[in-house]
């Protein structure tokens, strides 16, 4: 019995030491909640477009969906030029979940007939007639985010696994910085010669958060 107690105490001590050595794992759930609070809301690049005509006035909407699910946090994403808000050019679903290494993965999905759901972000419960089974995974397009300091998250896609055929591209890359004021997002496409064929060339789009 004494030997059992000693082993039990050693296991508990090892667990505490491991948590101390890896604080990112211990605080991962808090980081996830903070990140999602930054991601939800309405965003605009109007300010940047007025300062630099190389950038368009883009409106970005991000709204949590399927809030009763416990497997991850799900977010509906809609992006449109300000003059064509009823015809978004990009609609996605993100599955946001913490990983054991302390990073947070934002997995990217598309879905059939997206324009049918244009403006769904305005509803209290968007995409109610869809389920995860209806989604189409964009393989290799996940963005992996890490907390930097106390109040920002920085992340990107990895390697060249996010396939794209837009304008003869071979793959796409995404880089993002997110904080309480908004986000900077730089999406680009590259051909087989590593030449950029779409996306902003001077740097990412700066989206200011206009409301939660």
N, C-alpha and C. Protein backbone atom coordinates (compact mmCIF):
# COMPACT_ATOMS: atom_id res chain seq x y z
N UNK A 1 0.83 -1.20 0.00
CA UNK A 1 0.00 0.00 0.00
C UNK A 1 0.87 1.27 0.00
N UNK A 2 1.93 1.22 0.83
CA UNK A 2 2.83 2.38 0.90
C UNK A 2 3.47 2.64 -0.46
N UNK A 3 3.87 1.56 -1.14
CA UNK A 3 4.48 1.70 -2.47
C UNK A 3 3.49 2.31 -3.45
N UNK A 4 2.23 1.90 -3.37
CA UNK A 4 1.19 2.42 -4.26
C UNK A 4 1.01 3.93 -4.05
N UNK A 5 1.00 4.33 -2.75
CA UNK A 5 0.82 5.75 -2.44
C UNK A 5 1.98 6.57 -2.99
N UNK A 6 3.19 6.05 -2.87
CA UNK A 6 4.37 6.77 -3.36
C UNK A 6 4.28 6.94 -4.88
N UNK A 7 3.91 5.86 -5.59
CA UNK A 7 3.80 5.93 -7.05
C UNK A 7 2.71 6.93 -7.45
N UNK A 8 1.60 6.91 -6.72
CA UNK A 8 0.48 7.82 -7.01
C UNK A 8 0.92 9.28 -6.86
N UNK A 9 1.66 9.55 -5.76
CA UNK A 9 2.14 10.92 -5.53
C UNK A 9 3.13 11.34 -6.60
N UNK A 10 3.97 10.42 -7.07
CA UNK A 10 4.93 10.74 -8.13
C UNK A 10 4.23 11.07 -9.44
N UNK A 11 3.16 10.35 -9.74
CA UNK A 11 2.39 10.63 -10.96
C UNK A 11 1.78 12.03 -10.92
N UNK A 12 1.20 12.38 -9.76
CA UNK A 12 0.61 13.70 -9.61
C UNK A 12 1.67 14.79 -9.76
N UNK A 13 2.85 14.57 -9.12
CA UNK A 13 3.92 15.55 -9.20
C UNK A 13 4.41 15.71 -10.63
N UNK A 14 4.53 14.61 -11.36
CA UNK A 14 4.98 14.67 -12.75
C UNK A 14 3.99 15.46 -13.60
N UNK A 15 2.70 15.29 -13.35
CA UNK A 15 1.68 16.03 -14.10
C UNK A 15 1.78 17.52 -13.84
N UNK A 16 2.02 17.90 -12.57
CA UNK A 16 2.15 19.31 -12.24
C UNK A 16 3.38 19.92 -12.89
N UNK A 17 4.49 19.18 -12.86
CA UNK A 17 5.71 19.68 -13.48
C UNK A 17 5.55 19.85 -14.98
N UNK A 18 4.86 18.91 -15.61
CA UNK A 18 4.63 18.99 -17.04
C UNK A 18 3.79 20.21 -17.39
N UNK A 19 2.77 20.51 -16.57
CA UNK A 19 1.94 21.68 -16.82
C UNK A 19 2.75 22.96 -16.66
N UNK A 20 3.68 22.97 -15.68
CA UNK A 20 4.51 24.14 -15.48
C UNK A 20 5.49 24.33 -16.63
N UNK A 21 6.01 23.21 -17.14
CA UNK A 21 6.96 23.29 -18.25
C UNK A 21 6.28 23.65 -19.55
N UNK A 22 4.97 23.45 -19.66
CA UNK A 22 4.26 23.71 -20.89
C UNK A 22 3.02 24.56 -20.61
N UNK A 23 3.24 25.84 -20.23
CA UNK A 23 2.11 26.69 -19.87
C UNK A 23 1.16 26.92 -21.02
N UNK A 24 1.64 26.86 -22.28
CA UNK A 24 0.75 27.07 -23.43
C UNK A 24 -0.34 26.02 -23.47
N UNK A 25 -0.02 24.79 -23.11
CA UNK A 25 -1.03 23.73 -23.11
C UNK A 25 -2.06 24.00 -22.02
N UNK A 26 -1.60 24.47 -20.86
CA UNK A 26 -2.52 24.73 -19.74
C UNK A 26 -3.48 25.86 -20.07
N UNK A 27 -3.01 26.89 -20.77
CA UNK A 27 -3.81 28.07 -21.04
C UNK A 27 -4.47 28.04 -22.41
N UNK A 28 -4.38 26.94 -23.12
CA UNK A 28 -4.84 26.85 -24.49
C UNK A 28 -6.33 27.19 -24.63
N UNK A 29 -7.15 26.71 -23.70
CA UNK A 29 -8.58 26.97 -23.80
C UNK A 29 -8.89 28.45 -23.63
N UNK A 30 -8.15 29.12 -22.76
CA UNK A 30 -8.32 30.56 -22.59
C UNK A 30 -7.91 31.31 -23.85
N UNK A 31 -6.82 30.86 -24.46
CA UNK A 31 -6.36 31.47 -25.71
C UNK A 31 -7.41 31.30 -26.80
N UNK A 32 -8.02 30.12 -26.85
CA UNK A 32 -9.04 29.86 -27.86
C UNK A 32 -10.22 30.82 -27.70
N UNK A 33 -10.68 31.00 -26.47
CA UNK A 33 -11.80 31.91 -26.22
C UNK A 33 -11.45 33.34 -26.62
N UNK A 34 -10.22 33.76 -26.31
CA UNK A 34 -9.79 35.11 -26.66
C UNK A 34 -9.72 35.27 -28.17
N UNK A 35 -9.14 34.30 -28.86
CA UNK A 35 -9.03 34.36 -30.31
C UNK A 35 -10.41 34.46 -30.96
N UNK A 36 -11.33 33.63 -30.52
CA UNK A 36 -12.67 33.64 -31.11
C UNK A 36 -13.36 34.98 -30.87
N UNK A 37 -13.14 35.58 -29.71
CA UNK A 37 -13.74 36.89 -29.43
C UNK A 37 -13.20 37.94 -30.39
N UNK A 38 -11.94 37.78 -30.82
CA UNK A 38 -11.36 38.69 -31.81
C UNK A 38 -11.93 38.43 -33.20
N UNK A 39 -12.16 37.16 -33.52
CA UNK A 39 -12.59 36.79 -34.86
C UNK A 39 -14.04 37.14 -35.15
N UNK A 40 -14.89 37.04 -34.15
CA UNK A 40 -16.30 37.32 -34.36
C UNK A 40 -16.55 38.81 -34.57
N UNK A 41 -17.41 39.12 -35.56
CA UNK A 41 -17.79 40.50 -35.76
C UNK A 41 -17.75 40.92 -37.21
N UNK A 42 -17.89 42.23 -37.43
CA UNK A 42 -17.85 42.82 -38.76
C UNK A 42 -16.57 43.62 -38.91
N UNK A 43 -15.96 43.50 -40.10
CA UNK A 43 -14.67 44.13 -40.36
C UNK A 43 -14.70 44.86 -41.70
N UNK A 44 -13.86 45.88 -41.84
CA UNK A 44 -13.83 46.67 -43.07
C UNK A 44 -12.40 47.09 -43.40
N UNK A 45 -12.08 47.06 -44.70
CA UNK A 45 -10.77 47.57 -45.15
C UNK A 45 -10.92 48.95 -45.80
N UNK A 46 -12.04 49.63 -45.53
CA UNK A 46 -12.31 50.93 -46.14
C UNK A 46 -11.18 51.92 -45.89
N UNK A 47 -10.71 51.98 -44.67
CA UNK A 47 -9.65 52.94 -44.32
C UNK A 47 -8.40 52.70 -45.16
N UNK A 48 -8.01 51.46 -45.31
CA UNK A 48 -6.83 51.14 -46.10
C UNK A 48 -7.05 51.47 -47.58
N UNK A 49 -8.25 51.19 -48.10
CA UNK A 49 -8.53 51.44 -49.52
C UNK A 49 -8.49 52.93 -49.85
N UNK A 50 -8.85 53.78 -48.89
CA UNK A 50 -8.80 55.22 -49.11
C UNK A 50 -7.37 55.74 -49.09
N UNK A 51 -6.52 55.08 -48.30
CA UNK A 51 -5.11 55.50 -48.21
C UNK A 51 -4.27 54.94 -49.34
N UNK A 52 -4.69 53.81 -49.93
CA UNK A 52 -3.91 53.14 -50.98
C UNK A 52 -4.88 52.50 -51.96
N UNK A 53 -4.93 53.03 -53.17
CA UNK A 53 -5.90 52.55 -54.17
C UNK A 53 -5.56 51.16 -54.71
N UNK A 54 -4.46 50.60 -54.31
CA UNK A 54 -4.15 49.22 -54.69
C UNK A 54 -5.04 48.23 -53.94
N UNK A 55 -5.71 48.70 -52.90
CA UNK A 55 -6.56 47.83 -52.09
C UNK A 55 -8.02 48.21 -52.28
N UNK A 56 -8.89 47.21 -52.30
CA UNK A 56 -10.32 47.42 -52.44
C UNK A 56 -10.96 47.59 -51.06
N UNK A 57 -12.13 48.19 -51.08
CA UNK A 57 -12.93 48.31 -49.86
C UNK A 57 -13.69 47.00 -49.69
N UNK A 58 -13.20 46.15 -48.80
CA UNK A 58 -13.76 44.81 -48.59
C UNK A 58 -14.44 44.77 -47.23
N UNK A 59 -15.59 44.10 -47.17
CA UNK A 59 -16.28 43.89 -45.91
C UNK A 59 -16.22 42.41 -45.55
N UNK A 60 -15.86 42.14 -44.33
CA UNK A 60 -15.67 40.79 -43.84
C UNK A 60 -16.59 40.55 -42.65
N UNK A 61 -17.36 39.48 -42.73
CA UNK A 61 -18.28 39.12 -41.65
C UNK A 61 -17.90 37.74 -41.11
N UNK A 62 -17.84 37.63 -39.79
CA UNK A 62 -17.52 36.35 -39.15
C UNK A 62 -18.49 36.13 -38.00
N UNK A 63 -19.22 35.02 -38.07
CA UNK A 63 -20.29 34.75 -37.10
C UNK A 63 -20.24 33.29 -36.65
N UNK A 64 -20.30 33.08 -35.34
CA UNK A 64 -20.32 31.72 -34.81
C UNK A 64 -21.58 30.98 -35.23
N UNK A 65 -21.44 29.71 -35.52
CA UNK A 65 -22.58 28.86 -35.89
C UNK A 65 -22.52 27.58 -35.07
N UNK A 66 -23.64 26.87 -35.06
CA UNK A 66 -23.71 25.55 -34.43
C UNK A 66 -23.12 25.59 -33.01
N UNK A 67 -23.58 26.53 -32.24
CA UNK A 67 -23.00 26.78 -30.92
C UNK A 67 -23.25 25.66 -29.92
N UNK A 68 -24.15 24.72 -30.26
CA UNK A 68 -24.41 23.60 -29.35
C UNK A 68 -23.41 22.47 -29.53
N UNK A 69 -22.56 22.56 -30.55
CA UNK A 69 -21.57 21.51 -30.78
C UNK A 69 -20.38 21.69 -29.83
N UNK A 70 -19.85 20.58 -29.32
CA UNK A 70 -18.74 20.63 -28.37
C UNK A 70 -17.42 20.16 -28.98
N UNK A 71 -17.44 19.77 -30.26
CA UNK A 71 -16.22 19.23 -30.88
C UNK A 71 -15.23 20.32 -31.27
N UNK A 72 -15.72 21.54 -31.47
CA UNK A 72 -14.87 22.66 -31.89
C UNK A 72 -15.73 23.91 -31.89
N UNK A 73 -15.12 25.04 -32.22
CA UNK A 73 -15.89 26.26 -32.45
C UNK A 73 -15.99 26.45 -33.96
N UNK A 74 -17.20 26.67 -34.44
CA UNK A 74 -17.47 26.78 -35.87
C UNK A 74 -17.85 28.22 -36.19
N UNK A 75 -17.29 28.75 -37.27
CA UNK A 75 -17.52 30.15 -37.64
C UNK A 75 -17.85 30.24 -39.14
N UNK A 76 -18.92 30.98 -39.44
CA UNK A 76 -19.26 31.26 -40.83
C UNK A 76 -18.56 32.55 -41.25
N UNK A 77 -17.94 32.53 -42.43
CA UNK A 77 -17.15 33.66 -42.91
C UNK A 77 -17.67 34.10 -44.27
N UNK A 78 -17.90 35.40 -44.41
CA UNK A 78 -18.41 35.95 -45.67
C UNK A 78 -17.62 37.21 -46.01
N UNK A 79 -17.15 37.27 -47.26
CA UNK A 79 -16.30 38.37 -47.69
C UNK A 79 -16.86 38.93 -48.99
N UNK A 80 -17.02 40.26 -49.06
CA UNK A 80 -17.61 40.88 -50.25
C UNK A 80 -17.03 42.27 -50.47
N UNK A 81 -17.00 42.68 -51.74
CA UNK A 81 -16.66 44.06 -52.06
C UNK A 81 -17.80 44.94 -51.56
N UNK A 82 -17.49 46.11 -51.03
CA UNK A 82 -18.50 46.95 -50.39
C UNK A 82 -19.64 47.33 -51.34
N UNK A 83 -19.37 47.38 -52.63
CA UNK A 83 -20.40 47.75 -53.61
C UNK A 83 -21.26 46.56 -54.02
N UNK A 84 -20.89 45.34 -53.58
CA UNK A 84 -21.63 44.14 -53.95
C UNK A 84 -21.82 43.23 -52.73
N UNK A 85 -22.38 43.79 -51.69
CA UNK A 85 -22.51 43.05 -50.45
C UNK A 85 -23.44 41.85 -50.57
N UNK A 86 -24.36 41.89 -51.54
CA UNK A 86 -25.29 40.79 -51.72
C UNK A 86 -24.70 39.64 -52.54
N UNK A 87 -23.49 39.86 -53.05
CA UNK A 87 -22.83 38.83 -53.85
C UNK A 87 -21.40 38.61 -53.35
N UNK A 88 -21.26 38.01 -52.19
CA UNK A 88 -19.90 37.78 -51.64
C UNK A 88 -19.07 36.91 -52.57
N UNK A 89 -17.77 37.22 -52.66
CA UNK A 89 -16.89 36.44 -53.52
C UNK A 89 -16.21 35.30 -52.76
N UNK A 90 -16.36 35.29 -51.45
CA UNK A 90 -15.77 34.19 -50.66
C UNK A 90 -16.67 33.88 -49.48
N UNK A 91 -17.03 32.62 -49.37
CA UNK A 91 -17.83 32.14 -48.23
C UNK A 91 -17.20 30.85 -47.73
N UNK A 92 -16.93 30.82 -46.46
CA UNK A 92 -16.24 29.69 -45.86
C UNK A 92 -16.85 29.35 -44.50
N UNK A 93 -16.51 28.16 -44.02
CA UNK A 93 -16.75 27.79 -42.64
C UNK A 93 -15.40 27.42 -42.04
N UNK A 94 -15.11 27.98 -40.87
CA UNK A 94 -13.88 27.65 -40.15
C UNK A 94 -14.21 26.77 -38.96
N UNK A 95 -13.41 25.74 -38.77
CA UNK A 95 -13.49 24.94 -37.54
C UNK A 95 -12.25 25.27 -36.72
N UNK A 96 -12.45 25.90 -35.58
CA UNK A 96 -11.34 26.41 -34.78
C UNK A 96 -11.19 25.55 -33.54
N UNK A 97 -10.00 24.99 -33.35
CA UNK A 97 -9.80 24.10 -32.21
C UNK A 97 -8.34 24.15 -31.75
N UNK A 98 -8.11 23.94 -30.44
CA UNK A 98 -6.75 23.97 -29.90
C UNK A 98 -6.03 22.66 -30.18
N UNK A 99 -4.72 22.74 -30.36
CA UNK A 99 -3.88 21.57 -30.56
C UNK A 99 -3.00 21.35 -29.34
N UNK A 100 -2.48 20.15 -29.22
CA UNK A 100 -1.69 19.78 -28.04
C UNK A 100 -0.39 20.58 -27.92
N UNK A 101 0.12 21.07 -29.05
CA UNK A 101 1.38 21.82 -28.99
C UNK A 101 1.19 23.28 -28.59
N UNK A 102 -0.06 23.65 -28.26
CA UNK A 102 -0.32 25.02 -27.83
C UNK A 102 -0.80 25.94 -28.93
N UNK A 103 -0.72 25.51 -30.19
CA UNK A 103 -1.23 26.32 -31.29
C UNK A 103 -2.73 26.09 -31.45
N UNK A 104 -3.34 26.92 -32.27
CA UNK A 104 -4.76 26.81 -32.57
C UNK A 104 -4.92 26.67 -34.08
N UNK A 105 -5.66 25.66 -34.49
CA UNK A 105 -5.85 25.41 -35.92
C UNK A 105 -7.21 25.92 -36.38
N UNK A 106 -7.19 26.68 -37.46
CA UNK A 106 -8.42 27.11 -38.11
C UNK A 106 -8.54 26.32 -39.42
N UNK A 107 -9.39 25.30 -39.40
CA UNK A 107 -9.57 24.42 -40.55
C UNK A 107 -10.59 25.06 -41.49
N UNK A 108 -10.33 25.04 -42.79
CA UNK A 108 -11.14 25.77 -43.76
C UNK A 108 -12.01 24.81 -44.57
N UNK A 109 -13.29 25.17 -44.69
CA UNK A 109 -14.25 24.38 -45.47
C UNK A 109 -15.01 25.28 -46.43
N UNK A 110 -15.42 24.70 -47.56
CA UNK A 110 -16.42 25.33 -48.43
C UNK A 110 -17.70 24.52 -48.31
N UNK A 111 -18.74 24.94 -49.04
CA UNK A 111 -20.00 24.20 -49.01
C UNK A 111 -20.76 24.47 -50.31
N UNK A 112 -21.65 23.57 -50.69
CA UNK A 112 -22.37 23.69 -51.96
C UNK A 112 -23.30 24.91 -51.99
N UNK A 113 -23.46 25.49 -53.18
CA UNK A 113 -24.40 26.58 -53.43
C UNK A 113 -24.23 27.72 -52.42
N UNK A 114 -23.03 28.27 -52.28
CA UNK A 114 -22.79 29.25 -51.22
C UNK A 114 -23.63 30.52 -51.33
N UNK A 115 -23.90 31.02 -52.56
CA UNK A 115 -24.65 32.26 -52.69
C UNK A 115 -26.07 32.15 -52.12
N UNK A 116 -26.55 30.94 -52.01
CA UNK A 116 -27.85 30.72 -51.36
C UNK A 116 -27.83 31.22 -49.92
N UNK A 117 -26.63 31.25 -49.33
CA UNK A 117 -26.50 31.62 -47.92
C UNK A 117 -25.92 33.02 -47.73
N UNK A 118 -25.85 33.79 -48.81
CA UNK A 118 -25.33 35.16 -48.68
C UNK A 118 -26.18 35.94 -47.68
N UNK A 119 -25.51 36.61 -46.76
CA UNK A 119 -26.20 37.39 -45.73
C UNK A 119 -26.61 36.60 -44.51
N UNK A 120 -26.25 35.31 -44.46
CA UNK A 120 -26.63 34.47 -43.32
C UNK A 120 -26.05 34.98 -42.00
N UNK A 121 -24.96 35.73 -42.07
CA UNK A 121 -24.33 36.23 -40.85
C UNK A 121 -25.26 37.16 -40.06
N UNK A 122 -26.28 37.69 -40.74
CA UNK A 122 -27.22 38.59 -40.07
C UNK A 122 -28.18 37.83 -39.16
N UNK A 123 -28.32 36.53 -39.38
CA UNK A 123 -29.26 35.73 -38.60
C UNK A 123 -28.68 35.37 -37.23
N UNK A 124 -29.56 35.11 -36.29
CA UNK A 124 -29.12 34.68 -34.96
C UNK A 124 -28.43 33.32 -35.03
N UNK A 125 -28.92 32.46 -35.92
CA UNK A 125 -28.36 31.12 -36.06
C UNK A 125 -28.13 30.80 -37.54
N UNK A 126 -27.01 31.21 -38.08
CA UNK A 126 -26.75 30.99 -39.51
C UNK A 126 -26.52 29.51 -39.85
N UNK A 127 -26.76 29.18 -41.11
CA UNK A 127 -26.47 27.86 -41.69
C UNK A 127 -27.13 26.72 -40.92
N UNK A 128 -28.34 26.95 -40.45
CA UNK A 128 -29.03 25.93 -39.65
C UNK A 128 -29.37 24.68 -40.46
N UNK A 129 -29.53 24.83 -41.78
CA UNK A 129 -29.88 23.66 -42.58
C UNK A 129 -28.65 22.92 -43.11
N UNK A 130 -27.47 23.31 -42.64
CA UNK A 130 -26.23 22.60 -42.98
C UNK A 130 -25.68 21.92 -41.73
N UNK A 131 -24.87 20.90 -41.94
CA UNK A 131 -24.14 20.22 -40.87
C UNK A 131 -22.69 20.05 -41.31
N UNK A 132 -21.79 19.68 -40.42
CA UNK A 132 -20.41 19.43 -40.84
C UNK A 132 -20.29 18.41 -41.96
N UNK A 133 -21.25 17.49 -42.04
CA UNK A 133 -21.21 16.47 -43.10
C UNK A 133 -21.42 17.08 -44.48
N UNK A 134 -22.00 18.28 -44.55
CA UNK A 134 -22.24 18.94 -45.84
C UNK A 134 -21.04 19.73 -46.33
N UNK A 135 -20.06 19.90 -45.47
CA UNK A 135 -18.92 20.75 -45.80
C UNK A 135 -17.87 20.02 -46.62
N UNK A 136 -17.09 20.81 -47.35
CA UNK A 136 -16.02 20.28 -48.19
C UNK A 136 -14.68 20.81 -47.66
N UNK A 137 -13.86 19.93 -47.17
CA UNK A 137 -12.58 20.33 -46.59
C UNK A 137 -11.63 20.87 -47.65
N UNK A 138 -11.02 22.00 -47.37
CA UNK A 138 -9.96 22.52 -48.23
C UNK A 138 -8.64 21.98 -47.68
N UNK A 139 -8.23 20.86 -48.23
CA UNK A 139 -7.06 20.14 -47.73
C UNK A 139 -5.82 21.02 -47.81
N UNK A 140 -5.07 21.05 -46.71
CA UNK A 140 -3.82 21.79 -46.68
C UNK A 140 -3.96 23.28 -46.49
N UNK A 141 -5.20 23.76 -46.29
CA UNK A 141 -5.43 25.20 -46.20
C UNK A 141 -5.63 25.69 -44.77
N UNK A 142 -5.46 24.83 -43.78
CA UNK A 142 -5.60 25.25 -42.39
C UNK A 142 -4.59 26.35 -42.06
N UNK A 143 -5.03 27.28 -41.22
CA UNK A 143 -4.13 28.31 -40.69
C UNK A 143 -3.83 27.95 -39.24
N UNK A 144 -2.55 27.93 -38.88
CA UNK A 144 -2.12 27.57 -37.53
C UNK A 144 -1.68 28.84 -36.81
N UNK A 145 -2.36 29.13 -35.71
CA UNK A 145 -2.17 30.40 -35.00
C UNK A 145 -1.50 30.20 -33.66
N UNK A 146 -0.64 31.13 -33.31
CA UNK A 146 0.03 31.13 -32.01
C UNK A 146 -0.15 32.49 -31.36
N UNK A 147 -0.31 32.47 -30.04
CA UNK A 147 -0.45 33.73 -29.32
C UNK A 147 0.91 34.39 -29.18
N UNK A 148 0.94 35.70 -29.44
CA UNK A 148 2.18 36.47 -29.33
C UNK A 148 1.94 37.56 -28.29
N UNK A 149 2.72 37.55 -27.23
CA UNK A 149 2.48 38.50 -26.15
C UNK A 149 1.17 38.17 -25.45
N UNK A 150 0.48 39.20 -25.00
CA UNK A 150 -0.76 38.99 -24.25
C UNK A 150 -2.01 39.18 -25.09
N UNK A 151 -1.88 39.75 -26.29
CA UNK A 151 -3.12 40.18 -26.94
C UNK A 151 -3.17 40.03 -28.46
N UNK A 152 -2.26 39.28 -29.07
CA UNK A 152 -2.29 39.10 -30.52
C UNK A 152 -2.06 37.65 -30.88
N UNK A 153 -2.55 37.28 -32.05
CA UNK A 153 -2.33 35.94 -32.59
C UNK A 153 -1.77 36.08 -34.01
N UNK A 154 -0.77 35.26 -34.29
CA UNK A 154 -0.11 35.29 -35.60
C UNK A 154 -0.13 33.88 -36.16
N UNK A 155 -0.43 33.74 -37.45
CA UNK A 155 -0.47 32.41 -38.02
C UNK A 155 -0.39 32.41 -39.53
N UNK A 156 -0.31 31.21 -40.09
CA UNK A 156 -0.22 31.05 -41.54
C UNK A 156 -0.54 29.62 -41.92
N UNK A 157 -0.70 29.41 -43.23
CA UNK A 157 -0.75 28.05 -43.74
C UNK A 157 0.66 27.47 -43.68
N UNK A 158 0.76 26.15 -43.88
CA UNK A 158 2.06 25.50 -43.84
C UNK A 158 2.41 24.88 -45.19
N UNK A 159 3.68 24.97 -45.54
CA UNK A 159 4.18 24.38 -46.78
C UNK A 159 3.40 24.91 -47.98
N UNK A 160 3.16 24.04 -48.95
CA UNK A 160 2.50 24.44 -50.20
C UNK A 160 1.32 23.52 -50.50
N UNK A 161 0.66 23.08 -49.44
CA UNK A 161 -0.38 22.07 -49.61
C UNK A 161 -1.76 22.59 -49.90
N UNK A 162 -1.95 23.91 -49.90
CA UNK A 162 -3.28 24.48 -50.16
C UNK A 162 -3.42 24.72 -51.66
N UNK A 163 -4.01 23.78 -52.35
CA UNK A 163 -4.11 23.85 -53.81
C UNK A 163 -5.02 24.99 -54.26
N UNK A 164 -4.66 25.60 -55.39
CA UNK A 164 -5.47 26.66 -55.99
C UNK A 164 -5.26 26.62 -57.50
N UNK A 165 -6.35 26.78 -58.25
CA UNK A 165 -6.23 26.86 -59.70
C UNK A 165 -6.67 28.23 -60.23
N UNK A 166 -6.91 29.18 -59.31
CA UNK A 166 -7.30 30.52 -59.71
C UNK A 166 -6.16 31.18 -60.47
N UNK A 167 -6.44 31.68 -61.66
CA UNK A 167 -5.45 32.37 -62.50
C UNK A 167 -4.18 31.55 -62.68
N UNK A 168 -4.38 30.26 -62.91
CA UNK A 168 -3.28 29.33 -63.18
C UNK A 168 -2.33 29.15 -61.99
N UNK A 169 -2.85 29.39 -60.81
CA UNK A 169 -2.03 29.16 -59.62
C UNK A 169 -1.90 27.66 -59.36
N UNK A 170 -0.86 27.30 -58.63
CA UNK A 170 -0.66 25.92 -58.21
C UNK A 170 -1.03 25.75 -56.74
N UNK A 171 -0.71 26.75 -55.93
CA UNK A 171 -1.05 26.69 -54.51
C UNK A 171 -1.29 28.09 -53.97
N UNK A 172 -1.94 28.15 -52.81
CA UNK A 172 -2.22 29.41 -52.15
C UNK A 172 -1.59 29.43 -50.77
N UNK A 173 -1.31 30.61 -50.29
CA UNK A 173 -0.81 30.77 -48.92
C UNK A 173 -1.61 31.86 -48.22
N UNK A 174 -1.71 31.73 -46.92
CA UNK A 174 -2.41 32.74 -46.11
C UNK A 174 -1.57 33.08 -44.90
N UNK A 175 -1.47 34.37 -44.62
CA UNK A 175 -0.80 34.85 -43.41
C UNK A 175 -1.76 35.79 -42.70
N UNK A 176 -1.83 35.70 -41.38
CA UNK A 176 -2.81 36.51 -40.66
C UNK A 176 -2.27 36.95 -39.30
N UNK A 177 -2.66 38.15 -38.92
CA UNK A 177 -2.40 38.69 -37.58
C UNK A 177 -3.75 39.16 -37.05
N UNK A 178 -4.11 38.73 -35.85
CA UNK A 178 -5.43 39.05 -35.30
C UNK A 178 -5.27 39.63 -33.90
N UNK A 179 -5.96 40.72 -33.64
CA UNK A 179 -6.01 41.29 -32.28
C UNK A 179 -7.37 41.94 -32.06
N UNK A 180 -7.52 42.63 -30.97
CA UNK A 180 -8.83 43.17 -30.59
C UNK A 180 -9.32 44.24 -31.55
N UNK A 181 -8.40 44.88 -32.27
CA UNK A 181 -8.78 45.97 -33.16
C UNK A 181 -9.15 45.50 -34.56
N UNK A 182 -8.78 44.27 -34.88
CA UNK A 182 -9.07 43.75 -36.21
C UNK A 182 -8.05 42.72 -36.64
N UNK A 183 -7.82 42.65 -37.95
CA UNK A 183 -6.87 41.65 -38.44
C UNK A 183 -6.19 42.12 -39.72
N UNK A 184 -5.02 41.58 -39.95
CA UNK A 184 -4.30 41.77 -41.20
C UNK A 184 -4.22 40.42 -41.88
N UNK A 185 -4.74 40.35 -43.10
CA UNK A 185 -4.83 39.06 -43.79
C UNK A 185 -4.21 39.19 -45.18
N UNK A 186 -3.29 38.28 -45.48
CA UNK A 186 -2.60 38.31 -46.77
C UNK A 186 -2.73 36.95 -47.44
N UNK A 187 -3.62 36.88 -48.43
CA UNK A 187 -3.84 35.66 -49.20
C UNK A 187 -3.21 35.83 -50.58
N UNK A 188 -2.42 34.85 -50.99
CA UNK A 188 -1.75 34.93 -52.29
C UNK A 188 -1.74 33.58 -53.00
N UNK A 189 -1.70 33.64 -54.33
CA UNK A 189 -1.59 32.43 -55.13
C UNK A 189 -0.30 32.44 -55.92
N UNK A 190 0.32 31.26 -56.04
CA UNK A 190 1.60 31.14 -56.73
C UNK A 190 1.52 30.03 -57.78
N UNK A 191 2.21 30.26 -58.91
CA UNK A 191 2.24 29.23 -59.95
C UNK A 191 3.41 28.27 -59.72
N UNK A 192 3.60 27.36 -60.66
CA UNK A 192 4.63 26.33 -60.49
C UNK A 192 6.04 26.90 -60.52
N UNK A 193 6.19 28.15 -60.99
CA UNK A 193 7.50 28.80 -61.00
C UNK A 193 7.70 29.71 -59.79
N UNK A 194 6.81 29.56 -58.79
CA UNK A 194 6.85 30.36 -57.56
C UNK A 194 6.61 31.84 -57.83
N UNK A 195 5.90 32.15 -58.91
CA UNK A 195 5.53 33.52 -59.23
C UNK A 195 4.13 33.80 -58.69
N UNK A 196 3.96 34.95 -58.04
CA UNK A 196 2.64 35.30 -57.51
C UNK A 196 1.71 35.66 -58.67
N UNK A 197 0.54 35.04 -58.71
CA UNK A 197 -0.41 35.28 -59.80
C UNK A 197 -1.73 35.89 -59.32
N UNK A 198 -1.99 35.89 -58.04
CA UNK A 198 -3.15 36.62 -57.52
C UNK A 198 -2.91 37.01 -56.08
N UNK A 199 -3.71 37.97 -55.63
CA UNK A 199 -3.58 38.47 -54.26
C UNK A 199 -2.82 39.79 -54.22
N UNK A 200 -2.94 40.48 -53.11
CA UNK A 200 -2.24 41.74 -52.91
C UNK A 200 -0.73 41.53 -53.00
N UNK A 201 -0.03 42.48 -53.58
CA UNK A 201 1.42 42.34 -53.76
C UNK A 201 2.23 43.16 -52.75
N UNK A 202 1.63 44.18 -52.17
CA UNK A 202 2.37 45.07 -51.27
C UNK A 202 2.29 44.65 -49.81
N UNK A 203 1.36 43.79 -49.50
CA UNK A 203 1.16 43.37 -48.12
C UNK A 203 -0.29 43.01 -47.91
N UNK A 204 -0.61 42.58 -46.71
CA UNK A 204 -1.95 42.10 -46.44
C UNK A 204 -3.00 43.18 -46.35
N UNK A 205 -4.25 42.75 -46.46
CA UNK A 205 -5.39 43.64 -46.24
C UNK A 205 -5.53 43.90 -44.74
N UNK A 206 -5.78 45.15 -44.40
CA UNK A 206 -5.98 45.53 -42.99
C UNK A 206 -7.46 45.74 -42.75
N UNK A 207 -8.05 44.86 -41.97
CA UNK A 207 -9.47 44.92 -41.65
C UNK A 207 -9.65 45.47 -40.24
N UNK A 208 -10.30 46.62 -40.17
CA UNK A 208 -10.62 47.21 -38.87
C UNK A 208 -11.95 46.65 -38.37
N UNK A 209 -12.01 46.31 -37.12
CA UNK A 209 -13.25 45.80 -36.56
C UNK A 209 -14.21 46.97 -36.37
N UNK A 210 -15.41 46.84 -36.96
CA UNK A 210 -16.37 47.93 -36.87
C UNK A 210 -17.46 47.66 -35.85
N UNK A 211 -17.70 46.38 -35.53
CA UNK A 211 -18.58 46.04 -34.42
C UNK A 211 -18.42 44.57 -34.10
N UNK A 212 -18.93 44.15 -32.91
CA UNK A 212 -18.83 42.77 -32.47
C UNK A 212 -20.06 41.98 -32.90
